[in-house]
Amino acid sequence: MTDNQRLWLAIALCLAYCAWVGFIIVSHYARQRERRHVTTGAFIVAYASQTGTAKQLAEFQAELLGADRPVKVIALNDLAIDTLRKASDALFVVSTYGDGEPPDNGRRFYRALQQHNKQHNTALPQSLSYRVIALGDSQYPAFCAFWRATR
């Protein structure tokens, strides 16, 4: 193989690798966008779970609710407050970690909700009808403090 052929082969392999990486990046963001997409009027079941118990309970509740209308199960960190304006109803299945702290996949939403509350003097959109299933250890003095602080 000549030097020119090796050069063209190396360029072709580099371009193929770049195309493959680009495809992975685009498909990752497309899946992420689909995971966060909520149709207008959908019932949102959002969960925050450190160990997976709240996620399992949220998925179970979504199965029960899914017969009547579209239901979207979404991790709390993937949920934007603006998305809640599209929904008419929501169920929040949240667990607490430690002494009433939000679990890892609920911290971002918790901070955004606190910021929204400071700016608008209300935590959740007024048009949203919501329910909360809060999981935690009632032995802690700050039992479910994470969710209580969002109201």
N, C-alpha and C. Protein backbone atom coordinates (compact mmCIF):
# COMPACT_ATOMS: atom_id res chain seq x y z
N MET A 1 0.85 -1.17 0.00
CA MET A 1 0.00 0.00 0.00
C MET A 1 0.90 1.23 0.00
N THR A 2 0.56 2.17 -0.85
CA THR A 2 1.39 3.38 -0.95
C THR A 2 1.04 4.34 0.19
N ASP A 3 1.89 5.35 0.35
CA ASP A 3 1.65 6.35 1.40
C ASP A 3 0.35 7.11 1.16
N ASN A 4 0.05 7.44 -0.10
CA ASN A 4 -1.20 8.14 -0.41
C ASN A 4 -2.42 7.27 -0.08
N GLN A 5 -2.35 5.99 -0.35
CA GLN A 5 -3.47 5.11 -0.04
C GLN A 5 -3.67 5.01 1.47
N ARG A 6 -2.58 4.93 2.22
CA ARG A 6 -2.67 4.89 3.67
C ARG A 6 -3.28 6.18 4.21
N LEU A 7 -2.89 7.30 3.64
CA LEU A 7 -3.42 8.59 4.06
C LEU A 7 -4.92 8.65 3.81
N TRP A 8 -5.37 8.25 2.62
CA TRP A 8 -6.80 8.27 2.31
C TRP A 8 -7.59 7.29 3.17
N LEU A 9 -7.00 6.16 3.46
CA LEU A 9 -7.65 5.20 4.34
C LEU A 9 -7.79 5.77 5.76
N ALA A 10 -6.76 6.43 6.24
CA ALA A 10 -6.81 7.04 7.58
C ALA A 10 -7.86 8.15 7.62
N ILE A 11 -7.93 8.95 6.56
CA ILE A 11 -8.94 10.02 6.50
C ILE A 11 -10.34 9.41 6.47
N ALA A 12 -10.53 8.36 5.67
CA ALA A 12 -11.84 7.71 5.58
C ALA A 12 -12.24 7.12 6.93
N LEU A 13 -11.32 6.50 7.63
CA LEU A 13 -11.63 5.93 8.94
C LEU A 13 -11.96 7.02 9.96
N CYS A 14 -11.23 8.13 9.92
CA CYS A 14 -11.52 9.25 10.82
C CYS A 14 -12.90 9.83 10.55
N LEU A 15 -13.25 10.00 9.28
CA LEU A 15 -14.57 10.52 8.93
C LEU A 15 -15.68 9.56 9.36
N ALA A 16 -15.46 8.26 9.17
CA ALA A 16 -16.45 7.27 9.59
C ALA A 16 -16.63 7.32 11.12
N TYR A 17 -15.54 7.44 11.85
CA TYR A 17 -15.61 7.53 13.31
C TYR A 17 -16.36 8.79 13.74
N CYS A 18 -16.06 9.93 13.10
CA CYS A 18 -16.75 11.19 13.43
C CYS A 18 -18.25 11.08 13.13
N ALA A 19 -18.61 10.45 12.02
CA ALA A 19 -20.02 10.27 11.68
C ALA A 19 -20.71 9.39 12.73
N TRP A 20 -20.02 8.33 13.18
CA TRP A 20 -20.59 7.44 14.18
C TRP A 20 -20.80 8.18 15.51
N VAL A 21 -19.83 8.97 15.94
CA VAL A 21 -19.95 9.74 17.18
C VAL A 21 -21.08 10.77 17.04
N GLY A 22 -21.18 11.42 15.90
CA GLY A 22 -22.25 12.39 15.66
C GLY A 22 -23.61 11.73 15.73
N PHE A 23 -23.73 10.55 15.15
CA PHE A 23 -24.99 9.82 15.21
C PHE A 23 -25.37 9.49 16.65
N ILE A 24 -24.42 9.06 17.46
CA ILE A 24 -24.69 8.74 18.86
C ILE A 24 -25.14 9.98 19.62
N ILE A 25 -24.51 11.10 19.38
CA ILE A 25 -24.86 12.35 20.07
C ILE A 25 -26.27 12.79 19.67
N VAL A 26 -26.57 12.78 18.39
CA VAL A 26 -27.90 13.20 17.92
C VAL A 26 -28.98 12.27 18.46
N SER A 27 -28.74 10.97 18.44
CA SER A 27 -29.75 10.04 18.94
C SER A 27 -29.93 10.18 20.45
N HIS A 28 -28.87 10.49 21.18
CA HIS A 28 -28.97 10.72 22.62
C HIS A 28 -29.88 11.91 22.91
N TYR A 29 -29.67 13.02 22.23
CA TYR A 29 -30.50 14.21 22.46
C TYR A 29 -31.93 14.01 21.97
N ALA A 30 -32.12 13.22 20.94
CA ALA A 30 -33.47 12.93 20.47
C ALA A 30 -34.23 12.10 21.51
N ARG A 31 -33.55 11.11 22.10
CA ARG A 31 -34.19 10.30 23.15
C ARG A 31 -34.48 11.16 24.38
N GLN A 32 -33.55 12.04 24.70
CA GLN A 32 -33.74 12.91 25.86
C GLN A 32 -34.93 13.85 25.63
N ARG A 33 -35.05 14.40 24.44
CA ARG A 33 -36.16 15.29 24.11
C ARG A 33 -37.49 14.53 24.16
N GLU A 34 -37.50 13.30 23.64
CA GLU A 34 -38.71 12.48 23.67
C GLU A 34 -39.10 12.14 25.11
N ARG A 35 -38.10 11.86 25.94
CA ARG A 35 -38.38 11.52 27.34
C ARG A 35 -39.01 12.69 28.08
N ARG A 36 -38.65 13.91 27.70
CA ARG A 36 -39.16 15.10 28.38
C ARG A 36 -40.43 15.65 27.75
N HIS A 37 -40.81 15.16 26.57
CA HIS A 37 -41.97 15.68 25.85
C HIS A 37 -43.26 15.26 26.56
N VAL A 38 -44.11 16.23 26.80
CA VAL A 38 -45.41 15.97 27.42
C VAL A 38 -46.48 16.59 26.54
N THR A 39 -47.49 15.80 26.17
CA THR A 39 -48.58 16.33 25.35
C THR A 39 -49.52 17.15 26.22
N THR A 40 -50.16 18.13 25.61
CA THR A 40 -51.09 19.00 26.32
C THR A 40 -52.25 18.17 26.87
N GLY A 41 -52.56 18.39 28.12
CA GLY A 41 -53.65 17.68 28.78
C GLY A 41 -53.27 16.32 29.34
N ALA A 42 -52.01 15.95 29.22
CA ALA A 42 -51.58 14.65 29.72
C ALA A 42 -51.54 14.65 31.25
N PHE A 43 -51.63 13.49 31.80
CA PHE A 43 -51.49 13.30 33.23
C PHE A 43 -50.02 12.99 33.47
N ILE A 44 -49.34 13.82 34.25
CA ILE A 44 -47.92 13.63 34.54
C ILE A 44 -47.77 12.87 35.84
N VAL A 45 -46.97 11.82 35.80
CA VAL A 45 -46.58 11.11 37.01
C VAL A 45 -45.07 11.31 37.13
N ALA A 46 -44.68 12.17 38.07
CA ALA A 46 -43.27 12.49 38.24
C ALA A 46 -42.76 11.84 39.51
N TYR A 47 -41.53 11.37 39.46
CA TYR A 47 -40.97 10.69 40.62
C TYR A 47 -39.58 11.23 40.95
N ALA A 48 -39.25 11.13 42.23
CA ALA A 48 -37.89 11.41 42.71
C ALA A 48 -37.56 10.28 43.66
N SER A 49 -36.53 9.53 43.34
CA SER A 49 -36.23 8.32 44.09
C SER A 49 -34.74 8.12 44.22
N GLN A 50 -34.28 7.79 45.40
CA GLN A 50 -32.87 7.49 45.61
C GLN A 50 -32.59 6.02 45.35
N THR A 51 -33.50 5.15 45.76
CA THR A 51 -33.27 3.71 45.66
C THR A 51 -34.12 3.03 44.59
N GLY A 52 -35.11 3.73 44.02
CA GLY A 52 -35.96 3.14 42.99
C GLY A 52 -37.36 2.82 43.45
N THR A 53 -37.63 2.88 44.74
CA THR A 53 -38.97 2.56 45.24
C THR A 53 -40.01 3.53 44.71
N ALA A 54 -39.72 4.82 44.74
CA ALA A 54 -40.68 5.82 44.25
C ALA A 54 -40.89 5.66 42.75
N LYS A 55 -39.85 5.30 42.01
CA LYS A 55 -39.99 5.10 40.57
C LYS A 55 -40.92 3.92 40.30
N GLN A 56 -40.75 2.82 41.02
CA GLN A 56 -41.61 1.66 40.83
C GLN A 56 -43.06 2.00 41.17
N LEU A 57 -43.27 2.73 42.25
CA LEU A 57 -44.61 3.12 42.63
C LEU A 57 -45.23 4.06 41.59
N ALA A 58 -44.42 4.97 41.03
CA ALA A 58 -44.90 5.89 40.00
C ALA A 58 -45.31 5.12 38.74
N GLU A 59 -44.51 4.14 38.34
CA GLU A 59 -44.85 3.35 37.16
C GLU A 59 -46.13 2.53 37.39
N PHE A 60 -46.30 2.02 38.59
CA PHE A 60 -47.51 1.28 38.93
C PHE A 60 -48.74 2.19 38.87
N GLN A 61 -48.61 3.39 39.45
CA GLN A 61 -49.72 4.34 39.43
C GLN A 61 -50.05 4.76 37.99
N ALA A 62 -49.03 4.92 37.16
CA ALA A 62 -49.25 5.30 35.77
C ALA A 62 -50.03 4.23 35.03
N GLU A 63 -49.74 2.96 35.32
CA GLU A 63 -50.51 1.87 34.69
C GLU A 63 -51.97 1.95 35.07
N LEU A 64 -52.24 2.26 36.33
CA LEU A 64 -53.63 2.37 36.79
C LEU A 64 -54.34 3.56 36.15
N LEU A 65 -53.62 4.66 35.98
CA LEU A 65 -54.22 5.88 35.43
C LEU A 65 -54.30 5.87 33.92
N GLY A 66 -53.49 5.05 33.26
CA GLY A 66 -53.35 5.08 31.81
C GLY A 66 -54.56 4.66 31.02
N ALA A 67 -55.54 4.07 31.64
CA ALA A 67 -56.72 3.61 30.90
C ALA A 67 -57.60 4.78 30.45
N ASP A 68 -57.60 5.86 31.21
CA ASP A 68 -58.49 6.98 30.92
C ASP A 68 -57.92 8.01 29.95
N ARG A 69 -56.63 8.28 30.04
CA ARG A 69 -56.01 9.33 29.22
C ARG A 69 -54.51 9.11 29.13
N PRO A 70 -53.83 9.90 28.30
CA PRO A 70 -52.39 9.71 28.19
C PRO A 70 -51.69 10.06 29.50
N VAL A 71 -50.75 9.21 29.88
CA VAL A 71 -49.99 9.40 31.11
C VAL A 71 -48.51 9.42 30.75
N LYS A 72 -47.78 10.36 31.33
CA LYS A 72 -46.35 10.47 31.09
C LYS A 72 -45.63 10.29 32.42
N VAL A 73 -44.79 9.25 32.51
CA VAL A 73 -43.95 9.03 33.69
C VAL A 73 -42.61 9.69 33.41
N ILE A 74 -42.18 10.52 34.34
CA ILE A 74 -40.97 11.29 34.11
C ILE A 74 -40.22 11.50 35.43
N ALA A 75 -38.91 11.42 35.37
CA ALA A 75 -38.09 11.71 36.55
C ALA A 75 -38.24 13.20 36.88
N LEU A 76 -38.25 13.52 38.13
CA LEU A 76 -38.47 14.91 38.55
C LEU A 76 -37.42 15.85 37.95
N ASN A 77 -36.17 15.41 37.85
CA ASN A 77 -35.13 16.26 37.26
C ASN A 77 -35.36 16.53 35.78
N ASP A 78 -36.08 15.66 35.10
CA ASP A 78 -36.37 15.86 33.68
C ASP A 78 -37.62 16.70 33.45
N LEU A 79 -38.27 17.09 34.52
CA LEU A 79 -39.51 17.86 34.43
C LEU A 79 -39.23 19.35 34.62
N ALA A 80 -39.67 20.14 33.64
CA ALA A 80 -39.54 21.60 33.74
C ALA A 80 -40.85 22.17 34.27
N ILE A 81 -40.76 23.25 35.01
CA ILE A 81 -41.96 23.87 35.56
C ILE A 81 -42.87 24.34 34.44
N ASP A 82 -42.31 24.82 33.32
CA ASP A 82 -43.13 25.22 32.18
C ASP A 82 -43.91 24.03 31.61
N THR A 83 -43.36 22.84 31.70
CA THR A 83 -44.05 21.64 31.22
C THR A 83 -45.31 21.39 32.03
N LEU A 84 -45.28 21.75 33.30
CA LEU A 84 -46.46 21.55 34.15
C LEU A 84 -47.64 22.40 33.69
N ARG A 85 -47.37 23.48 32.97
CA ARG A 85 -48.46 24.30 32.45
C ARG A 85 -49.26 23.57 31.36
N LYS A 86 -48.62 22.63 30.68
CA LYS A 86 -49.29 21.86 29.63
C LYS A 86 -50.21 20.80 30.22
N ALA A 87 -49.90 20.36 31.42
CA ALA A 87 -50.66 19.27 32.03
C ALA A 87 -51.84 19.82 32.82
N SER A 88 -52.88 19.01 32.91
CA SER A 88 -54.02 19.40 33.73
C SER A 88 -53.93 18.77 35.11
N ASP A 89 -53.31 17.60 35.18
CA ASP A 89 -53.19 16.88 36.44
C ASP A 89 -51.78 16.31 36.58
N ALA A 90 -51.36 16.15 37.82
CA ALA A 90 -50.05 15.56 38.06
C ALA A 90 -50.08 14.77 39.36
N LEU A 91 -49.28 13.74 39.38
CA LEU A 91 -49.05 12.96 40.59
C LEU A 91 -47.55 12.97 40.82
N PHE A 92 -47.15 13.41 41.99
CA PHE A 92 -45.74 13.43 42.37
C PHE A 92 -45.50 12.32 43.37
N VAL A 93 -44.63 11.39 43.02
CA VAL A 93 -44.24 10.32 43.93
C VAL A 93 -42.80 10.62 44.31
N VAL A 94 -42.62 11.11 45.53
CA VAL A 94 -41.30 11.59 45.94
C VAL A 94 -40.87 10.91 47.22
N SER A 95 -39.61 10.56 47.25
CA SER A 95 -39.03 10.03 48.47
C SER A 95 -38.09 11.10 49.02
N THR A 96 -37.72 10.92 50.25
CA THR A 96 -36.75 11.84 50.84
C THR A 96 -35.49 11.07 51.17
N TYR A 97 -34.43 11.77 51.24
CA TYR A 97 -33.12 11.17 51.48
C TYR A 97 -32.54 11.81 52.73
N GLY A 98 -32.02 11.00 53.62
CA GLY A 98 -31.44 11.56 54.84
C GLY A 98 -32.52 12.23 55.67
N ASP A 99 -32.25 13.43 56.10
CA ASP A 99 -33.17 14.15 56.97
C ASP A 99 -34.07 15.07 56.15
N GLY A 100 -34.89 14.48 55.28
CA GLY A 100 -35.87 15.25 54.52
C GLY A 100 -35.35 15.91 53.27
N GLU A 101 -34.16 15.52 52.80
CA GLU A 101 -33.57 16.13 51.61
C GLU A 101 -34.10 15.46 50.34
N PRO A 102 -34.08 16.19 49.21
CA PRO A 102 -34.52 15.56 47.96
C PRO A 102 -33.49 14.54 47.48
N PRO A 103 -33.94 13.47 46.84
CA PRO A 103 -32.99 12.52 46.26
C PRO A 103 -32.26 13.15 45.08
N ASP A 104 -31.23 12.48 44.61
CA ASP A 104 -30.39 13.02 43.53
C ASP A 104 -31.20 13.41 42.30
N ASN A 105 -32.17 12.57 41.90
CA ASN A 105 -32.91 12.89 40.68
C ASN A 105 -34.11 13.81 40.95
N GLY A 106 -34.05 14.57 42.05
CA GLY A 106 -35.06 15.56 42.33
C GLY A 106 -34.49 16.91 42.73
N ARG A 107 -33.17 16.98 42.89
CA ARG A 107 -32.54 18.22 43.36
C ARG A 107 -32.69 19.38 42.38
N ARG A 108 -32.49 19.11 41.10
CA ARG A 108 -32.58 20.18 40.10
C ARG A 108 -33.99 20.77 40.07
N PHE A 109 -35.00 19.92 40.07
CA PHE A 109 -36.38 20.39 40.08
C PHE A 109 -36.68 21.16 41.37
N TYR A 110 -36.19 20.67 42.48
CA TYR A 110 -36.39 21.32 43.77
C TYR A 110 -35.83 22.75 43.75
N ARG A 111 -34.62 22.91 43.24
CA ARG A 111 -34.02 24.26 43.15
C ARG A 111 -34.81 25.14 42.19
N ALA A 112 -35.23 24.59 41.05
CA ALA A 112 -36.01 25.37 40.08
C ALA A 112 -37.35 25.78 40.67
N LEU A 113 -37.97 24.90 41.43
CA LEU A 113 -39.25 25.20 42.05
C LEU A 113 -39.11 26.28 43.12
N GLN A 114 -38.03 26.22 43.89
CA GLN A 114 -37.79 27.26 44.89
C GLN A 114 -37.57 28.61 44.23
N GLN A 115 -36.81 28.63 43.13
CA GLN A 115 -36.56 29.87 42.39
C GLN A 115 -37.87 30.41 41.81
N HIS A 116 -38.68 29.52 41.24
CA HIS A 116 -39.97 29.92 40.67
C HIS A 116 -40.87 30.49 41.77
N ASN A 117 -40.84 29.89 42.93
CA ASN A 117 -41.65 30.34 44.05
C ASN A 117 -41.25 31.75 44.50
N LYS A 118 -39.95 32.02 44.50
CA LYS A 118 -39.48 33.36 44.88
C LYS A 118 -39.91 34.41 43.86
N GLN A 119 -39.87 34.06 42.59
CA GLN A 119 -40.20 35.01 41.53
C GLN A 119 -41.70 35.24 41.39
N HIS A 120 -42.50 34.18 41.54
CA HIS A 120 -43.93 34.27 41.27
C HIS A 120 -44.80 34.15 42.51
N ASN A 121 -44.19 33.97 43.65
CA ASN A 121 -44.89 33.83 44.92
C ASN A 121 -45.87 32.66 44.92
N THR A 122 -45.61 31.69 44.09
CA THR A 122 -46.38 30.45 44.06
C THR A 122 -45.47 29.35 43.54
N ALA A 123 -45.60 28.17 44.09
CA ALA A 123 -44.70 27.09 43.71
C ALA A 123 -45.10 26.45 42.38
N LEU A 124 -46.33 25.98 42.29
CA LEU A 124 -46.79 25.28 41.09
C LEU A 124 -47.85 26.11 40.38
N PRO A 125 -48.00 25.91 39.07
CA PRO A 125 -49.04 26.66 38.33
C PRO A 125 -50.42 26.46 38.97
N GLN A 126 -51.19 27.54 39.04
CA GLN A 126 -52.50 27.50 39.68
C GLN A 126 -53.47 26.56 38.95
N SER A 127 -53.30 26.40 37.64
CA SER A 127 -54.21 25.57 36.86
C SER A 127 -53.95 24.07 37.05
N LEU A 128 -52.87 23.73 37.72
CA LEU A 128 -52.48 22.33 37.87
C LEU A 128 -53.15 21.71 39.09
N SER A 129 -53.85 20.63 38.86
CA SER A 129 -54.41 19.84 39.95
C SER A 129 -53.39 18.73 40.22
N TYR A 130 -52.91 18.64 41.44
CA TYR A 130 -51.86 17.66 41.71
C TYR A 130 -52.08 16.94 43.04
N ARG A 131 -51.47 15.78 43.10
CA ARG A 131 -51.47 14.95 44.29
C ARG A 131 -50.03 14.57 44.58
N VAL A 132 -49.76 14.25 45.84
CA VAL A 132 -48.40 13.90 46.25
C VAL A 132 -48.44 12.61 47.05
N ILE A 133 -47.57 11.68 46.68
CA ILE A 133 -47.30 10.52 47.51
C ILE A 133 -45.87 10.71 47.99
N ALA A 134 -45.72 10.97 49.27
CA ALA A 134 -44.41 11.23 49.83
C ALA A 134 -43.94 10.02 50.63
N LEU A 135 -42.74 9.56 50.32
CA LEU A 135 -42.17 8.40 50.99
C LEU A 135 -40.98 8.85 51.83
N GLY A 136 -40.85 8.28 52.97
CA GLY A 136 -39.71 8.62 53.82
C GLY A 136 -39.84 7.94 55.16
N ASP A 137 -38.94 8.24 56.03
CA ASP A 137 -38.91 7.66 57.37
C ASP A 137 -39.47 8.68 58.35
N SER A 138 -40.61 8.36 58.93
CA SER A 138 -41.27 9.31 59.83
C SER A 138 -40.52 9.48 61.15
N GLN A 139 -39.47 8.70 61.37
CA GLN A 139 -38.66 8.85 62.58
C GLN A 139 -37.80 10.12 62.52
N TYR A 140 -37.54 10.62 61.30
CA TYR A 140 -36.75 11.84 61.16
C TYR A 140 -37.59 13.06 61.53
N PRO A 141 -37.00 14.05 62.18
CA PRO A 141 -37.76 15.25 62.53
C PRO A 141 -38.23 16.02 61.30
N ALA A 142 -37.49 15.95 60.20
CA ALA A 142 -37.85 16.67 58.97
C ALA A 142 -38.46 15.70 57.97
N PHE A 143 -39.40 14.87 58.41
CA PHE A 143 -40.04 13.88 57.55
C PHE A 143 -40.67 14.57 56.34
N CYS A 144 -40.27 14.16 55.14
CA CYS A 144 -40.78 14.69 53.87
C CYS A 144 -40.64 16.20 53.75
N ALA A 145 -39.61 16.76 54.36
CA ALA A 145 -39.39 18.21 54.31
C ALA A 145 -39.15 18.68 52.87
N PHE A 146 -38.56 17.85 52.06
CA PHE A 146 -38.28 18.21 50.66
C PHE A 146 -39.57 18.64 49.97
N TRP A 147 -40.63 17.87 50.06
CA TRP A 147 -41.85 18.23 49.35
C TRP A 147 -42.62 19.33 50.06
N ARG A 148 -42.62 19.33 51.37
CA ARG A 148 -43.34 20.38 52.10
C ARG A 148 -42.79 21.76 51.78
N ALA A 149 -41.49 21.85 51.56
CA ALA A 149 -40.86 23.14 51.28
C ALA A 149 -41.24 23.67 49.91
N THR A 150 -41.79 22.85 49.03
CA THR A 150 -42.14 23.31 47.68
C THR A 150 -43.49 23.99 47.66
N ARG A 151 -44.28 23.87 48.69
CA ARG A 151 -45.62 24.47 48.69
C ARG A 151 -45.59 25.90 49.09
